[in-house]
């Protein structure tokens, strides 16, 4: 992966108010870019803690992406900030970002059409970034249940990665 893409991405995160770490090691995985911040959200009447974990994957197939998303979830939950801040809840939003050159059509379509698996204690919103087409792929639909979460997640992803 061109290092300039990761450098540019880290700069975009920093410019958006995120605390950025490079080459964060967790168990057997290294995240090239890890970014986290907190902000208040009236709709959730609490704080939102979006956590982006970005890595290059050699294969963007369903097995590799699934394992990567699980690893990101474990990392983010283990390293989350406080559950309450000023007596208000902190809601964890996890964005596993898998970057690669060749995205299988099945994986790309699945990530755009199928709602991410629900996880206890966090909102999970996987993103695949295709370096060949310079395009981000993520869930595009809005289910009735949790529609505010999906709208908020897309509003955080779109300025950083595009649509």
N, C-alpha and C. Protein backbone atom coordinates (compact mmCIF):
# COMPACT_ATOMS: atom_id res chain seq x y z
N UNK A 1 0.85 -1.17 0.00
CA UNK A 1 0.00 0.00 0.00
C UNK A 1 0.89 1.23 0.00
N UNK A 2 0.55 2.20 -0.82
CA UNK A 2 1.36 3.42 -0.80
C UNK A 2 1.27 4.10 0.56
N UNK A 3 2.42 4.38 1.12
CA UNK A 3 2.46 5.00 2.43
C UNK A 3 1.83 6.39 2.41
N UNK A 4 1.86 7.06 1.27
CA UNK A 4 1.28 8.40 1.21
C UNK A 4 -0.22 8.38 1.45
N UNK A 5 -0.91 7.28 1.09
CA UNK A 5 -2.34 7.18 1.38
C UNK A 5 -2.57 7.16 2.88
N UNK A 6 -1.79 6.36 3.60
CA UNK A 6 -1.93 6.28 5.06
C UNK A 6 -1.56 7.61 5.72
N UNK A 7 -0.51 8.25 5.21
CA UNK A 7 -0.11 9.55 5.76
C UNK A 7 -1.22 10.57 5.56
N UNK A 8 -1.78 10.59 4.36
CA UNK A 8 -2.87 11.52 4.06
C UNK A 8 -4.09 11.23 4.93
N UNK A 9 -4.40 9.96 5.11
CA UNK A 9 -5.53 9.56 5.94
C UNK A 9 -5.31 9.98 7.40
N UNK A 10 -4.10 9.75 7.92
CA UNK A 10 -3.79 10.16 9.29
C UNK A 10 -3.92 11.67 9.44
N UNK A 11 -3.53 12.43 8.44
CA UNK A 11 -3.67 13.88 8.48
C UNK A 11 -5.14 14.29 8.48
N UNK A 12 -5.96 13.60 7.68
CA UNK A 12 -7.40 13.90 7.67
C UNK A 12 -8.03 13.64 9.03
N UNK A 13 -7.64 12.53 9.67
CA UNK A 13 -8.14 12.24 11.00
C UNK A 13 -7.72 13.33 11.99
N UNK A 14 -6.45 13.69 11.98
CA UNK A 14 -5.95 14.71 12.90
C UNK A 14 -6.64 16.05 12.68
N UNK A 15 -6.87 16.41 11.42
CA UNK A 15 -7.54 17.67 11.10
C UNK A 15 -9.00 17.66 11.56
N UNK A 16 -9.58 16.47 11.70
CA UNK A 16 -10.96 16.33 12.16
C UNK A 16 -11.06 16.17 13.67
N UNK A 17 -9.95 16.32 14.38
CA UNK A 17 -9.98 16.29 15.83
C UNK A 17 -9.74 14.93 16.47
N UNK A 18 -9.31 13.96 15.69
CA UNK A 18 -9.05 12.62 16.22
C UNK A 18 -7.65 12.54 16.81
N UNK A 19 -7.50 11.71 17.85
CA UNK A 19 -6.18 11.33 18.35
C UNK A 19 -5.73 10.17 17.46
N UNK A 20 -4.58 10.30 16.82
CA UNK A 20 -4.12 9.32 15.85
C UNK A 20 -2.89 8.57 16.36
N UNK A 21 -2.93 7.25 16.23
CA UNK A 21 -1.77 6.40 16.50
C UNK A 21 -1.42 5.68 15.21
N UNK A 22 -0.13 5.49 14.99
CA UNK A 22 0.33 4.74 13.81
C UNK A 22 0.93 3.42 14.28
N UNK A 23 0.73 2.38 13.49
CA UNK A 23 1.28 1.05 13.74
C UNK A 23 0.97 0.55 15.15
N UNK A 24 -0.30 0.58 15.48
CA UNK A 24 -0.78 0.10 16.78
C UNK A 24 -0.87 -1.42 16.74
N UNK A 25 -0.19 -2.09 17.66
CA UNK A 25 -0.16 -3.55 17.69
C UNK A 25 -1.19 -4.04 18.70
N UNK A 26 -2.02 -5.01 18.26
CA UNK A 26 -2.99 -5.65 19.14
C UNK A 26 -2.99 -7.13 18.84
N UNK A 27 -2.63 -7.92 19.83
CA UNK A 27 -2.51 -9.37 19.69
C UNK A 27 -1.63 -9.68 18.48
N UNK A 28 -2.17 -10.31 17.44
CA UNK A 28 -1.34 -10.68 16.29
C UNK A 28 -1.56 -9.75 15.09
N UNK A 29 -2.16 -8.59 15.32
CA UNK A 29 -2.46 -7.69 14.20
C UNK A 29 -1.87 -6.31 14.47
N UNK A 30 -1.41 -5.68 13.40
CA UNK A 30 -0.94 -4.29 13.47
C UNK A 30 -1.89 -3.42 12.68
N UNK A 31 -2.43 -2.39 13.33
CA UNK A 31 -3.29 -1.44 12.65
C UNK A 31 -2.41 -0.29 12.18
N UNK A 32 -2.41 -0.03 10.88
CA UNK A 32 -1.55 1.01 10.30
C UNK A 32 -1.93 2.39 10.83
N UNK A 33 -3.23 2.64 10.98
CA UNK A 33 -3.73 3.90 11.53
C UNK A 33 -4.86 3.58 12.50
N UNK A 34 -4.80 4.16 13.68
CA UNK A 34 -5.87 4.04 14.66
C UNK A 34 -6.24 5.46 15.08
N UNK A 35 -7.52 5.79 15.00
CA UNK A 35 -7.96 7.15 15.31
C UNK A 35 -9.19 7.09 16.20
N UNK A 36 -9.22 7.98 17.21
CA UNK A 36 -10.31 7.97 18.18
C UNK A 36 -10.55 9.40 18.67
N UNK A 37 -11.80 9.71 18.97
CA UNK A 37 -12.15 10.98 19.61
C UNK A 37 -13.48 10.80 20.31
N UNK A 38 -13.90 11.81 21.08
CA UNK A 38 -15.22 11.81 21.71
C UNK A 38 -15.89 13.15 21.45
N UNK A 39 -17.21 13.10 21.28
CA UNK A 39 -17.98 14.33 21.16
C UNK A 39 -19.40 14.09 21.67
N UNK A 40 -20.06 15.17 22.06
CA UNK A 40 -21.42 15.07 22.58
C UNK A 40 -22.41 15.01 21.43
N UNK A 41 -23.45 14.21 21.59
CA UNK A 41 -24.49 14.07 20.58
C UNK A 41 -25.85 14.19 21.26
N UNK A 42 -26.62 15.21 20.88
CA UNK A 42 -27.93 15.44 21.50
C UNK A 42 -28.91 14.31 21.24
N UNK A 43 -28.87 13.76 20.04
CA UNK A 43 -29.81 12.71 19.69
C UNK A 43 -29.64 11.48 20.58
N UNK A 44 -28.41 11.15 20.90
CA UNK A 44 -28.12 10.02 21.78
C UNK A 44 -28.07 10.44 23.24
N UNK A 45 -28.18 11.73 23.51
CA UNK A 45 -28.05 12.31 24.83
C UNK A 45 -26.89 11.67 25.59
N UNK A 46 -25.75 11.78 24.97
CA UNK A 46 -24.53 11.24 25.55
C UNK A 46 -23.38 11.52 24.62
N UNK A 47 -22.27 10.90 24.90
CA UNK A 47 -21.08 11.09 24.10
C UNK A 47 -20.93 9.95 23.11
N UNK A 48 -20.36 10.27 21.96
CA UNK A 48 -20.05 9.28 20.93
C UNK A 48 -18.54 9.13 20.91
N UNK A 49 -18.07 7.91 20.88
CA UNK A 49 -16.63 7.65 20.75
C UNK A 49 -16.39 6.84 19.47
N UNK A 50 -16.20 7.53 18.34
CA UNK A 50 -15.88 6.80 17.12
C UNK A 50 -14.42 6.34 17.14
N UNK A 51 -14.21 5.08 16.81
CA UNK A 51 -12.88 4.49 16.77
C UNK A 51 -12.66 3.88 15.40
N UNK A 52 -11.70 4.43 14.65
CA UNK A 52 -11.36 3.92 13.33
C UNK A 52 -10.07 3.11 13.43
N UNK A 53 -10.09 1.88 12.93
CA UNK A 53 -8.92 1.02 12.88
C UNK A 53 -8.68 0.64 11.42
N UNK A 54 -7.54 1.07 10.88
CA UNK A 54 -7.26 0.93 9.46
C UNK A 54 -6.07 0.01 9.24
N UNK A 55 -6.24 -0.98 8.35
CA UNK A 55 -5.16 -1.89 7.99
C UNK A 55 -5.28 -2.29 6.54
N UNK A 56 -4.14 -2.60 5.95
CA UNK A 56 -4.13 -3.17 4.61
C UNK A 56 -4.32 -4.67 4.73
N UNK A 57 -5.19 -5.22 3.90
CA UNK A 57 -5.37 -6.66 3.84
C UNK A 57 -4.94 -7.13 2.45
N UNK A 58 -4.16 -8.19 2.41
CA UNK A 58 -3.69 -8.72 1.13
C UNK A 58 -4.87 -9.24 0.31
N UNK A 59 -5.82 -9.88 0.99
CA UNK A 59 -7.00 -10.41 0.32
C UNK A 59 -8.24 -9.78 0.93
N UNK A 60 -9.05 -9.18 0.11
CA UNK A 60 -10.32 -8.62 0.59
C UNK A 60 -11.44 -9.59 0.24
N UNK A 61 -11.34 -10.81 0.79
CA UNK A 61 -12.39 -11.80 0.63
C UNK A 61 -13.22 -11.85 1.90
N UNK A 62 -14.31 -12.57 1.89
CA UNK A 62 -15.23 -12.55 3.02
C UNK A 62 -14.59 -13.10 4.30
N UNK A 63 -13.75 -14.12 4.21
CA UNK A 63 -13.11 -14.67 5.39
C UNK A 63 -12.13 -13.67 6.01
N UNK A 64 -11.27 -13.07 5.19
CA UNK A 64 -10.28 -12.11 5.69
C UNK A 64 -10.95 -10.89 6.30
N UNK A 65 -11.96 -10.37 5.62
CA UNK A 65 -12.66 -9.18 6.12
C UNK A 65 -13.40 -9.51 7.42
N UNK A 66 -14.04 -10.67 7.49
CA UNK A 66 -14.74 -11.08 8.71
C UNK A 66 -13.81 -11.21 9.91
N UNK A 67 -12.64 -11.83 9.70
CA UNK A 67 -11.66 -11.96 10.78
C UNK A 67 -11.13 -10.59 11.19
N UNK A 68 -10.93 -9.72 10.22
CA UNK A 68 -10.43 -8.38 10.52
C UNK A 68 -11.44 -7.59 11.34
N UNK A 69 -12.70 -7.63 10.96
CA UNK A 69 -13.76 -6.92 11.69
C UNK A 69 -13.83 -7.43 13.13
N UNK A 70 -13.74 -8.73 13.33
CA UNK A 70 -13.76 -9.30 14.69
C UNK A 70 -12.58 -8.81 15.51
N UNK A 71 -11.41 -8.76 14.90
CA UNK A 71 -10.21 -8.28 15.60
C UNK A 71 -10.36 -6.80 15.99
N UNK A 72 -10.92 -6.01 15.09
CA UNK A 72 -11.15 -4.59 15.39
C UNK A 72 -12.13 -4.42 16.54
N UNK A 73 -13.18 -5.22 16.54
CA UNK A 73 -14.17 -5.14 17.61
C UNK A 73 -13.52 -5.45 18.96
N UNK A 74 -12.76 -6.53 19.03
CA UNK A 74 -12.10 -6.91 20.29
C UNK A 74 -11.16 -5.80 20.75
N UNK A 75 -10.38 -5.23 19.83
CA UNK A 75 -9.45 -4.16 20.19
C UNK A 75 -10.17 -2.94 20.71
N UNK A 76 -11.19 -2.50 19.99
CA UNK A 76 -11.89 -1.26 20.37
C UNK A 76 -12.61 -1.40 21.71
N UNK A 77 -13.22 -2.55 21.95
CA UNK A 77 -13.93 -2.75 23.22
C UNK A 77 -12.92 -2.81 24.37
N UNK A 78 -11.80 -3.47 24.15
CA UNK A 78 -10.79 -3.59 25.19
C UNK A 78 -10.14 -2.25 25.53
N UNK A 79 -9.99 -1.39 24.53
CA UNK A 79 -9.30 -0.11 24.71
C UNK A 79 -10.23 1.10 24.69
N UNK A 80 -11.49 0.89 24.94
CA UNK A 80 -12.43 2.01 24.93
C UNK A 80 -12.19 2.93 26.12
N UNK A 81 -12.67 4.15 25.97
CA UNK A 81 -12.57 5.11 27.07
C UNK A 81 -13.60 4.77 28.14
N UNK A 82 -13.88 5.72 28.99
CA UNK A 82 -14.84 5.53 30.08
C UNK A 82 -16.23 5.25 29.52
N UNK A 83 -17.00 4.45 30.24
CA UNK A 83 -18.37 4.14 29.83
C UNK A 83 -19.29 5.32 30.11
N UNK A 84 -18.95 6.12 31.13
CA UNK A 84 -19.70 7.32 31.44
C UNK A 84 -18.75 8.50 31.50
N UNK A 85 -19.23 9.64 31.05
CA UNK A 85 -18.47 10.89 31.13
C UNK A 85 -19.44 11.96 31.60
N UNK A 86 -19.12 12.62 32.68
CA UNK A 86 -20.00 13.63 33.28
C UNK A 86 -21.40 13.06 33.50
N UNK A 87 -21.45 11.82 33.96
CA UNK A 87 -22.68 11.08 34.27
C UNK A 87 -23.54 10.78 33.04
N UNK A 88 -23.00 10.97 31.87
CA UNK A 88 -23.70 10.65 30.63
C UNK A 88 -23.02 9.46 29.96
N UNK A 89 -23.80 8.64 29.25
CA UNK A 89 -23.20 7.45 28.63
C UNK A 89 -22.28 7.83 27.46
N UNK A 90 -21.29 6.97 27.24
CA UNK A 90 -20.41 7.09 26.09
C UNK A 90 -20.71 5.91 25.18
N UNK A 91 -21.17 6.19 23.96
CA UNK A 91 -21.55 5.17 22.99
C UNK A 91 -20.37 4.90 22.06
N UNK A 92 -19.96 3.65 21.99
CA UNK A 92 -18.80 3.26 21.18
C UNK A 92 -19.24 2.93 19.75
N UNK A 93 -18.67 3.63 18.78
CA UNK A 93 -18.88 3.36 17.37
C UNK A 93 -17.55 2.85 16.81
N UNK A 94 -17.54 1.64 16.28
CA UNK A 94 -16.31 1.03 15.79
C UNK A 94 -16.36 0.97 14.26
N UNK A 95 -15.29 1.49 13.64
CA UNK A 95 -15.19 1.52 12.18
C UNK A 95 -13.95 0.72 11.75
N UNK A 96 -14.10 -0.59 11.49
CA UNK A 96 -12.98 -1.35 10.94
C UNK A 96 -12.82 -0.96 9.47
N UNK A 97 -11.66 -0.48 9.08
CA UNK A 97 -11.43 -0.05 7.70
C UNK A 97 -10.39 -0.99 7.09
N UNK A 98 -10.82 -1.82 6.16
CA UNK A 98 -9.93 -2.74 5.45
C UNK A 98 -9.56 -2.09 4.12
N UNK A 99 -8.28 -1.97 3.87
CA UNK A 99 -7.78 -1.31 2.66
C UNK A 99 -7.09 -2.35 1.80
N UNK A 100 -7.35 -2.30 0.50
CA UNK A 100 -6.69 -3.24 -0.41
C UNK A 100 -6.85 -2.84 -1.85
N UNK A 101 -6.23 -3.62 -2.70
CA UNK A 101 -6.23 -3.29 -4.14
C UNK A 101 -7.31 -4.03 -4.91
N UNK A 102 -7.68 -5.20 -4.49
CA UNK A 102 -8.67 -5.95 -5.25
C UNK A 102 -9.77 -6.42 -4.31
N UNK A 103 -10.93 -5.79 -4.44
CA UNK A 103 -12.08 -6.14 -3.62
C UNK A 103 -12.95 -7.11 -4.41
N UNK A 104 -13.21 -8.27 -3.81
CA UNK A 104 -14.11 -9.21 -4.47
C UNK A 104 -15.50 -8.59 -4.57
N UNK A 105 -16.14 -8.76 -5.73
CA UNK A 105 -17.46 -8.18 -5.97
C UNK A 105 -18.46 -8.64 -4.90
N UNK A 106 -18.38 -9.89 -4.50
CA UNK A 106 -19.29 -10.44 -3.49
C UNK A 106 -19.14 -9.69 -2.16
N UNK A 107 -17.91 -9.41 -1.78
CA UNK A 107 -17.65 -8.71 -0.52
C UNK A 107 -18.12 -7.27 -0.62
N UNK A 108 -17.80 -6.62 -1.72
CA UNK A 108 -18.20 -5.22 -1.93
C UNK A 108 -19.73 -5.09 -1.87
N UNK A 109 -20.43 -5.97 -2.56
CA UNK A 109 -21.89 -5.91 -2.58
C UNK A 109 -22.47 -6.23 -1.20
N UNK A 110 -21.88 -7.19 -0.52
CA UNK A 110 -22.35 -7.57 0.81
C UNK A 110 -22.21 -6.41 1.80
N UNK A 111 -21.08 -5.73 1.77
CA UNK A 111 -20.84 -4.64 2.73
C UNK A 111 -21.77 -3.46 2.46
N UNK A 112 -22.17 -3.29 1.20
CA UNK A 112 -23.05 -2.17 0.83
C UNK A 112 -24.53 -2.50 1.07
N UNK A 113 -24.90 -3.78 1.00
CA UNK A 113 -26.31 -4.16 1.03
C UNK A 113 -26.79 -4.79 2.33
N UNK A 114 -25.89 -5.44 3.07
CA UNK A 114 -26.30 -6.16 4.27
C UNK A 114 -25.91 -5.38 5.52
N UNK A 115 -26.85 -5.25 6.44
CA UNK A 115 -26.59 -4.51 7.68
C UNK A 115 -25.48 -5.20 8.46
N UNK A 116 -24.58 -4.42 9.05
CA UNK A 116 -23.52 -5.03 9.88
C UNK A 116 -24.13 -5.80 11.04
N UNK A 117 -23.44 -6.85 11.44
CA UNK A 117 -23.91 -7.66 12.55
C UNK A 117 -23.95 -6.82 13.82
N UNK A 118 -25.04 -6.95 14.56
CA UNK A 118 -25.18 -6.19 15.81
C UNK A 118 -24.26 -6.80 16.88
N UNK A 119 -23.64 -5.92 17.65
CA UNK A 119 -22.72 -6.35 18.70
C UNK A 119 -23.17 -5.74 20.02
N UNK A 120 -23.02 -6.46 21.12
CA UNK A 120 -23.40 -5.88 22.42
C UNK A 120 -22.41 -4.80 22.84
N UNK A 121 -22.93 -3.66 23.25
CA UNK A 121 -22.07 -2.62 23.80
C UNK A 121 -21.39 -1.71 22.81
N UNK A 122 -21.66 -1.90 21.51
CA UNK A 122 -20.99 -1.05 20.52
C UNK A 122 -21.76 -1.10 19.21
N UNK A 123 -21.56 -0.08 18.39
CA UNK A 123 -22.14 -0.03 17.05
C UNK A 123 -21.00 -0.27 16.07
N UNK A 124 -21.12 -1.30 15.26
CA UNK A 124 -20.07 -1.73 14.34
C UNK A 124 -20.44 -1.32 12.92
N UNK A 125 -19.51 -0.63 12.21
CA UNK A 125 -19.78 -0.14 10.86
C UNK A 125 -18.53 -0.35 9.99
N UNK A 126 -18.40 -1.55 9.39
CA UNK A 126 -17.21 -1.84 8.58
C UNK A 126 -17.15 -1.01 7.30
N UNK A 127 -15.91 -0.69 6.89
CA UNK A 127 -15.65 0.06 5.67
C UNK A 127 -14.57 -0.68 4.90
N UNK A 128 -14.74 -0.79 3.59
CA UNK A 128 -13.69 -1.33 2.73
C UNK A 128 -13.27 -0.20 1.80
N UNK A 129 -11.96 0.04 1.73
CA UNK A 129 -11.44 1.08 0.83
C UNK A 129 -10.63 0.41 -0.26
N UNK A 130 -11.06 0.61 -1.51
CA UNK A 130 -10.41 0.03 -2.67
C UNK A 130 -9.42 1.04 -3.25
N UNK A 131 -8.13 0.73 -3.17
CA UNK A 131 -7.10 1.64 -3.67
C UNK A 131 -7.15 1.77 -5.19
N UNK A 132 -7.57 0.71 -5.88
CA UNK A 132 -7.62 0.74 -7.35
C UNK A 132 -8.61 1.80 -7.85
N UNK A 133 -9.79 1.82 -7.25
CA UNK A 133 -10.82 2.76 -7.69
C UNK A 133 -10.90 3.99 -6.80
N UNK A 134 -10.10 4.02 -5.73
CA UNK A 134 -10.13 5.11 -4.74
C UNK A 134 -11.56 5.34 -4.23
N UNK A 135 -12.23 4.22 -3.90
CA UNK A 135 -13.63 4.29 -3.45
C UNK A 135 -13.80 3.54 -2.14
N UNK A 136 -14.63 4.11 -1.29
CA UNK A 136 -14.98 3.46 -0.02
C UNK A 136 -16.32 2.75 -0.19
N UNK A 137 -16.42 1.57 0.39
CA UNK A 137 -17.65 0.79 0.36
C UNK A 137 -18.10 0.55 1.79
N UNK A 138 -19.36 0.86 2.07
CA UNK A 138 -19.93 0.66 3.40
C UNK A 138 -21.44 0.58 3.25
N UNK A 139 -22.12 0.20 4.33
CA UNK A 139 -23.56 -0.04 4.31
C UNK A 139 -24.30 1.22 3.88
N UNK A 140 -25.14 1.09 2.85
CA UNK A 140 -25.82 2.24 2.26
C UNK A 140 -27.29 2.36 2.65
N UNK A 141 -27.86 1.29 3.12
CA UNK A 141 -29.29 1.32 3.45
C UNK A 141 -29.51 1.88 4.85
N UNK A 142 -30.76 2.21 5.15
CA UNK A 142 -31.10 2.70 6.48
C UNK A 142 -32.29 1.91 7.02
N UNK A 143 -32.02 0.93 7.88
CA UNK A 143 -33.12 0.17 8.48
C UNK A 143 -33.90 1.04 9.46
N UNK A 144 -35.13 0.67 9.71
CA UNK A 144 -35.95 1.46 10.65
C UNK A 144 -35.34 1.47 12.04
N UNK A 145 -34.90 0.29 12.50
CA UNK A 145 -34.34 0.21 13.83
C UNK A 145 -32.88 0.64 13.78
N UNK A 146 -32.57 1.71 14.48
CA UNK A 146 -31.19 2.19 14.51
C UNK A 146 -30.84 3.16 13.40
N UNK A 147 -31.86 3.75 12.77
CA UNK A 147 -31.59 4.62 11.62
C UNK A 147 -30.69 5.80 11.99
N UNK A 148 -30.82 6.33 13.20
CA UNK A 148 -29.98 7.45 13.62
C UNK A 148 -28.51 7.03 13.69
N UNK A 149 -28.25 5.78 14.11
CA UNK A 149 -26.87 5.29 14.17
C UNK A 149 -26.24 5.22 12.78
N UNK A 150 -27.00 4.71 11.81
CA UNK A 150 -26.46 4.57 10.46
C UNK A 150 -26.22 5.94 9.82
N UNK A 151 -27.12 6.86 10.06
CA UNK A 151 -26.96 8.21 9.53
C UNK A 151 -25.71 8.87 10.14
N UNK A 152 -25.54 8.73 11.45
CA UNK A 152 -24.37 9.29 12.12
C UNK A 152 -23.09 8.63 11.62
N UNK A 153 -23.10 7.31 11.48
CA UNK A 153 -21.91 6.59 11.00
C UNK A 153 -21.50 7.07 9.62
N UNK A 154 -22.48 7.18 8.72
CA UNK A 154 -22.15 7.66 7.36
C UNK A 154 -21.65 9.10 7.38
N UNK A 155 -22.17 9.92 8.30
CA UNK A 155 -21.71 11.31 8.38
C UNK A 155 -20.27 11.40 8.88
N UNK A 156 -19.80 10.39 9.60
CA UNK A 156 -18.41 10.36 10.06
C UNK A 156 -17.48 9.76 8.98
N UNK A 157 -17.97 8.80 8.22
CA UNK A 157 -17.14 8.11 7.22
C UNK A 157 -16.98 8.94 5.94
N UNK A 158 -18.07 9.53 5.47
CA UNK A 158 -18.06 10.20 4.16
C UNK A 158 -17.01 11.31 4.05
N UNK A 159 -16.84 12.22 5.02
CA UNK A 159 -15.83 13.26 4.84
C UNK A 159 -14.39 12.71 4.82
N UNK A 160 -14.18 11.56 5.43
CA UNK A 160 -12.84 10.99 5.51
C UNK A 160 -12.49 10.12 4.32
N UNK A 161 -13.48 9.39 3.80
CA UNK A 161 -13.21 8.41 2.75
C UNK A 161 -13.99 8.64 1.47
N UNK A 162 -15.00 9.48 1.49
CA UNK A 162 -15.86 9.65 0.33
C UNK A 162 -16.97 8.63 0.34
N UNK A 163 -17.79 8.62 -0.70
CA UNK A 163 -18.94 7.71 -0.71
C UNK A 163 -18.68 6.47 -1.51
